[in-house]
Protein backbone atom coordinates (compact mmCIF):
# COMPACT_ATOMS: atom_id res chain seq x y z
CA MET A 1 -5.54 -11.06 26.52
CA ALA A 2 -2.39 -9.10 25.66
CA ASP A 3 -2.62 -5.32 25.70
CA ILE A 4 -1.64 -3.22 22.70
CA GLU A 5 1.89 -2.55 23.93
CA GLU A 6 2.59 -6.26 24.27
CA LEU A 7 1.14 -6.89 20.81
CA VAL A 8 3.26 -4.14 19.27
CA GLU A 9 6.43 -5.51 20.82
CA GLN A 10 5.64 -9.05 19.68
CA PHE A 11 4.79 -7.82 16.18
CA LYS A 12 8.04 -5.84 15.95
CA ALA A 13 10.10 -8.82 17.07
CA ASP A 14 8.48 -11.29 14.69
CA ALA A 15 8.38 -8.91 11.72
CA THR A 16 12.07 -8.15 12.25
CA ARG A 17 12.84 -11.87 12.20
CA THR A 18 11.25 -12.08 8.76
CA GLY A 19 13.65 -9.43 7.42
CA ALA A 20 11.39 -6.39 7.74
CA VAL A 21 12.45 -3.07 9.28
CA VAL A 22 9.85 -1.81 11.74
CA TYR A 23 9.78 1.89 12.62
CA GLU A 24 7.57 3.33 15.35
CA ALA A 25 6.85 6.91 14.33
CA GLU A 26 6.45 9.53 17.04
CA GLY A 27 3.80 11.32 15.03
CA ALA A 28 2.61 12.19 11.54
CA GLY A 29 5.61 14.40 10.77
CA ASP A 30 8.06 11.75 11.91
CA ALA A 31 6.31 9.11 9.75
CA ARG A 32 6.42 11.36 6.68
CA ASP A 33 10.07 12.18 7.23
CA TYR A 34 11.03 8.53 7.66
CA VAL A 35 9.57 7.59 4.29
CA LEU A 36 11.06 10.65 2.59
CA LYS A 37 14.52 9.98 4.02
CA LEU A 38 14.32 6.34 2.97
CA ALA A 39 13.39 7.33 -0.59
CA GLN A 40 16.16 9.93 -0.77
CA GLU A 41 18.82 7.61 0.61
CA ARG A 42 17.88 4.90 -1.91
CA GLY A 43 17.72 7.36 -4.82
CA VAL A 44 14.02 6.70 -5.44
CA ARG A 45 12.43 9.11 -7.90
CA HIS A 46 9.18 7.31 -8.70
CA ILE A 47 6.76 5.77 -6.16
CA VAL A 48 3.52 3.87 -6.63
CA LYS A 49 0.99 4.17 -3.82
CA SER A 50 -2.09 2.08 -3.22
CA LYS A 51 -5.01 3.17 -1.09
CA SER A 52 -3.94 3.71 2.53
CA ALA A 53 -6.00 5.55 5.15
CA VAL A 54 -2.87 6.12 7.24
CA ALA A 55 -0.79 7.54 4.37
CA GLU A 56 -3.65 9.75 3.22
CA GLY A 57 -4.42 10.92 6.73
CA ILE A 58 -0.88 12.27 7.23
CA GLY A 59 -0.52 13.78 3.74
CA LEU A 60 2.32 11.47 2.78
CA ARG A 61 1.97 11.83 -0.99
CA GLU A 62 1.99 15.60 -0.85
CA HIS A 63 5.04 15.58 1.44
CA LEU A 64 7.00 13.39 -0.98
CA GLU A 65 5.91 15.42 -4.00
CA LYS A 66 7.10 18.65 -2.40
CA ALA A 67 10.55 17.04 -2.19
CA GLY A 68 10.50 16.38 -5.94
CA ILE A 69 9.53 12.69 -5.86
CA GLU A 70 6.83 11.52 -8.25
CA VAL A 71 4.09 9.59 -6.47
CA ARG A 72 1.42 7.90 -8.54
CA GLU A 73 -1.86 6.79 -7.01
CA THR A 74 -2.81 3.31 -8.22
CA ASP A 75 -6.38 3.06 -6.98
CA ILE A 76 -8.26 4.00 -10.16
CA GLY A 77 -10.56 6.47 -8.44
CA GLN A 78 -7.73 8.17 -6.55
CA TRP A 79 -5.62 8.26 -9.73
CA ILE A 80 -8.39 10.06 -11.61
CA ALA A 81 -8.70 12.58 -8.78
CA GLN A 82 -4.91 13.03 -8.82
CA LEU A 83 -4.95 13.67 -12.59
CA ALA A 84 -7.62 16.31 -12.03
CA GLY A 85 -5.59 17.91 -9.24
CA GLU A 86 -8.44 17.36 -6.80
CA GLU A 87 -9.11 15.59 -3.53
CA ALA A 88 -9.85 11.86 -3.51
CA GLY A 89 -13.56 11.29 -3.98
CA SER A 90 -13.98 13.98 -6.61
CA GLU A 91 -13.89 11.33 -9.35
CA THR A 92 -17.47 10.36 -8.49
CA ASP A 93 -18.64 13.77 -9.70
CA LYS A 94 -17.11 13.40 -13.16
CA THR A 95 -18.78 12.33 -16.38
CA VAL A 96 -17.28 9.53 -18.44
CA GLU A 97 -16.28 12.15 -21.02
CA GLN A 98 -14.31 14.08 -18.40
CA VAL A 99 -12.60 10.90 -17.23
CA ALA A 100 -11.75 9.98 -20.82
CA GLU A 101 -10.16 13.40 -21.31
CA LEU A 102 -8.02 13.04 -18.18
CA ILE A 103 -6.80 9.53 -18.96
CA SER A 104 -6.24 10.38 -22.65
CA ARG A 105 -4.06 13.33 -21.68
CA GLU A 106 -2.01 11.25 -19.24
CA THR A 107 -1.52 8.23 -21.50
CA GLY A 108 -1.05 10.13 -24.74
CA GLN A 109 -3.85 8.17 -26.41
CA LYS A 110 -7.18 9.38 -27.71
CA LEU A 111 -9.61 7.18 -25.80
CA GLU A 112 -13.31 6.72 -26.38
CA PRO A 113 -15.55 7.61 -23.42
CA GLU A 114 -16.46 3.99 -22.70
CA GLY A 115 -15.96 2.36 -19.33
CA ASP A 116 -14.26 -0.82 -20.52
CA VAL A 117 -11.92 1.11 -22.82
CA LEU A 118 -10.89 3.52 -20.07
CA MET A 119 -10.34 0.80 -17.46
CA ALA A 120 -8.18 -1.23 -19.84
CA ALA A 121 -6.07 1.82 -20.73
CA ALA A 122 -5.69 2.78 -17.08
CA ARG A 123 -4.57 -0.71 -16.08
CA ARG A 124 -2.02 -0.88 -18.91
CA PHE A 125 -0.59 2.50 -17.97
CA LEU A 126 -0.45 1.75 -14.26
CA ARG A 127 1.09 -1.69 -14.81
CA GLN A 128 4.16 -0.05 -16.30
CA SER A 129 4.30 2.30 -13.30
CA TYR A 130 4.62 -0.68 -10.94
CA ILE A 131 7.50 -2.01 -13.02
CA ASN A 132 9.30 1.35 -13.14
CA ALA A 133 8.79 2.34 -9.51
CA GLY A 134 11.65 2.25 -7.04
CA MET A 135 9.25 2.10 -4.09
CA GLY A 136 5.73 0.93 -3.38
CA ILE A 137 3.62 2.26 -0.52
CA SER A 138 0.52 0.54 0.79
CA GLY A 139 -1.54 0.28 3.91
CA ALA A 140 -2.43 -2.72 6.07
CA ASP A 141 -5.83 -3.37 7.57
CA PHE A 142 -4.30 -5.56 10.29
CA GLY A 143 -0.98 -6.79 11.56
CA ILE A 144 -0.62 -10.24 13.13
CA ALA A 145 1.66 -10.20 16.16
CA GLU A 146 2.48 -13.92 16.29
CA THR A 147 4.00 -13.94 12.78
CA GLY A 148 4.78 -10.31 11.92
CA THR A 149 2.33 -10.59 9.03
CA MET A 150 0.40 -7.72 7.43
CA VAL A 151 -3.11 -8.26 6.06
CA ASN A 152 -4.54 -6.18 3.20
CA LEU A 153 -8.19 -6.25 2.14
CA SER A 154 -9.03 -4.98 -1.32
CA ASN A 155 -11.39 -5.33 -4.25
CA ASP A 156 -8.61 -4.45 -6.70
CA GLY A 157 -5.33 -6.30 -7.27
CA ASN A 158 -3.30 -3.07 -7.31
CA ASP A 159 -2.39 -3.55 -3.64
CA ARG A 160 -0.54 -6.75 -4.48
CA LEU A 161 1.38 -5.19 -7.38
CA ALA A 162 2.52 -2.25 -5.26
CA THR A 163 3.65 -4.74 -2.62
CA VAL A 164 5.69 -7.18 -4.72
CA LEU A 165 7.04 -5.39 -7.81
CA PRO A 166 9.09 -2.40 -6.54
CA LEU A 167 12.51 -3.04 -4.98
CA ILE A 168 11.42 -1.30 -1.75
CA HIS A 169 8.03 -1.66 -0.12
CA VAL A 170 6.69 0.46 2.74
CA THR A 171 3.61 -0.47 4.75
CA MET A 172 1.83 2.26 6.71
CA MET A 173 -0.16 0.88 9.63
CA LYS A 174 -1.78 1.95 12.90
CA ARG A 175 -0.45 0.35 16.06
CA GLU A 176 -4.04 -0.21 17.17
CA ASP A 177 -4.67 -2.50 14.21
CA ILE A 178 -2.31 -5.21 15.43
CA VAL A 179 -4.06 -8.39 16.56
CA ALA A 180 -2.58 -11.38 18.35
CA THR A 181 -3.17 -14.32 16.00
CA LEU A 182 -4.29 -15.36 12.54
CA SER A 183 -7.61 -16.46 14.07
CA ASP A 184 -8.09 -12.95 15.49
CA ALA A 185 -7.44 -11.46 12.05
CA ILE A 186 -10.01 -13.75 10.45
CA SER A 187 -12.54 -12.83 13.12
CA ARG A 188 -11.88 -9.14 12.46
CA ILE A 189 -12.39 -9.65 8.71
CA LYS A 190 -15.71 -11.40 9.34
CA THR A 191 -16.80 -8.53 11.58
CA LEU A 192 -15.93 -5.95 8.91
CA VAL A 193 -17.89 -7.90 6.31
CA GLU A 194 -20.92 -8.06 8.60
CA GLU A 195 -20.69 -4.36 9.46
CA SER A 196 -20.45 -3.38 5.79
CA GLY A 197 -24.06 -4.46 5.32
CA GLY A 198 -23.42 -6.13 1.97
CA GLY A 199 -22.10 -9.33 3.46
CA GLN A 200 -19.48 -9.67 0.73
CA ILE A 201 -15.91 -10.78 1.41
CA PRO A 202 -13.31 -8.56 -0.32
CA SER A 203 -12.05 -9.87 -3.66
CA TYR A 204 -8.45 -9.90 -2.42
CA ILE A 205 -7.22 -10.81 1.06
CA THR A 206 -3.43 -10.66 1.00
CA TYR A 207 -1.13 -11.90 3.77
CA HIS A 208 2.34 -10.41 3.46
CA THR A 209 5.19 -11.43 5.75
CA GLY A 210 8.53 -9.68 5.64
CA ARG A 211 11.08 -9.34 2.89
CA ASN A 212 10.38 -11.90 0.20
CA THR A 213 12.94 -14.68 0.06
CA THR A 214 13.11 -18.26 -1.10
CA GLY A 215 14.97 -21.29 0.19
CA ASP A 216 14.14 -23.40 -2.86
CA ILE A 217 17.78 -23.46 -3.96
CA ARG A 218 19.66 -25.79 -1.65
CA GLY A 219 22.12 -24.05 0.65
CA ALA A 220 21.08 -20.54 -0.45
CA LEU A 221 18.53 -18.09 0.89
CA MET A 222 17.78 -15.66 -1.91
CA ALA A 223 16.15 -12.25 -1.52
CA ARG A 224 14.13 -10.64 -4.30
CA ALA A 225 12.97 -14.04 -5.50
CA GLN A 226 9.36 -12.90 -5.75
CA GLY A 227 9.10 -9.59 -3.95
CA PRO A 228 10.96 -6.54 -2.63
CA GLU A 229 14.54 -6.44 -1.44
CA GLU A 230 13.47 -4.24 1.48
CA GLU A 231 10.28 -4.25 3.54
CA HIS A 232 9.70 -1.30 5.88
CA ILE A 233 6.75 -1.08 8.25
CA VAL A 234 5.87 2.32 9.70
CA LEU A 235 3.69 2.11 12.82
CA LEU A 236 1.71 5.16 13.78
CA GLY A 237 -0.59 5.76 16.75
CA ASN A 238 -3.97 7.47 16.63
CA ALA A 239 -2.66 10.60 18.29
């Protein structure tokens, strides 16, 4: 079995072949600065971010916001917490009336305190954010070394929108989450499902490989056919 260093090197080589840029960060500060520099160099002013344990663990959103870049959380719960100016998780303490007030204020609509109404309004508002964003940031549950593929598990489709709609996409991932093969990734998913206790497979399992291109037009390889022009993968260790 390959050790983690061999897996990282294989993943970097194969991901690079797919058109992605792989950056091994020396630490949390280096990872934050890489994403900030990338956004500044590309003139990005608006970013959409899906749920990412790595990004949240290093305070990436706050770092970008301090530099004057708008970062919008797209996980509904995290977005509500962001609107309230509170830590993620605080949304569970709110009444439906409080949530309605927050979303009404952000969207400019007077919304009734009903779950279906609020979810529909939130999705409409966030959908436009994906379209307007110059960059999307998401996490990856696993990376597959043999193909340079990233695997995202989610019960909400927002991860996919943040991945394919903005011109630039950044994946934040731990080096330790790279596995050797697709079969290893599937085994890891099954283990996570079993350990969750509920035994339910996530609603969305997304496999994303490199910068999106198409060879459907004879003699031409076109970028931005159905995804970002640039794919950046930031690898970060546990330390």
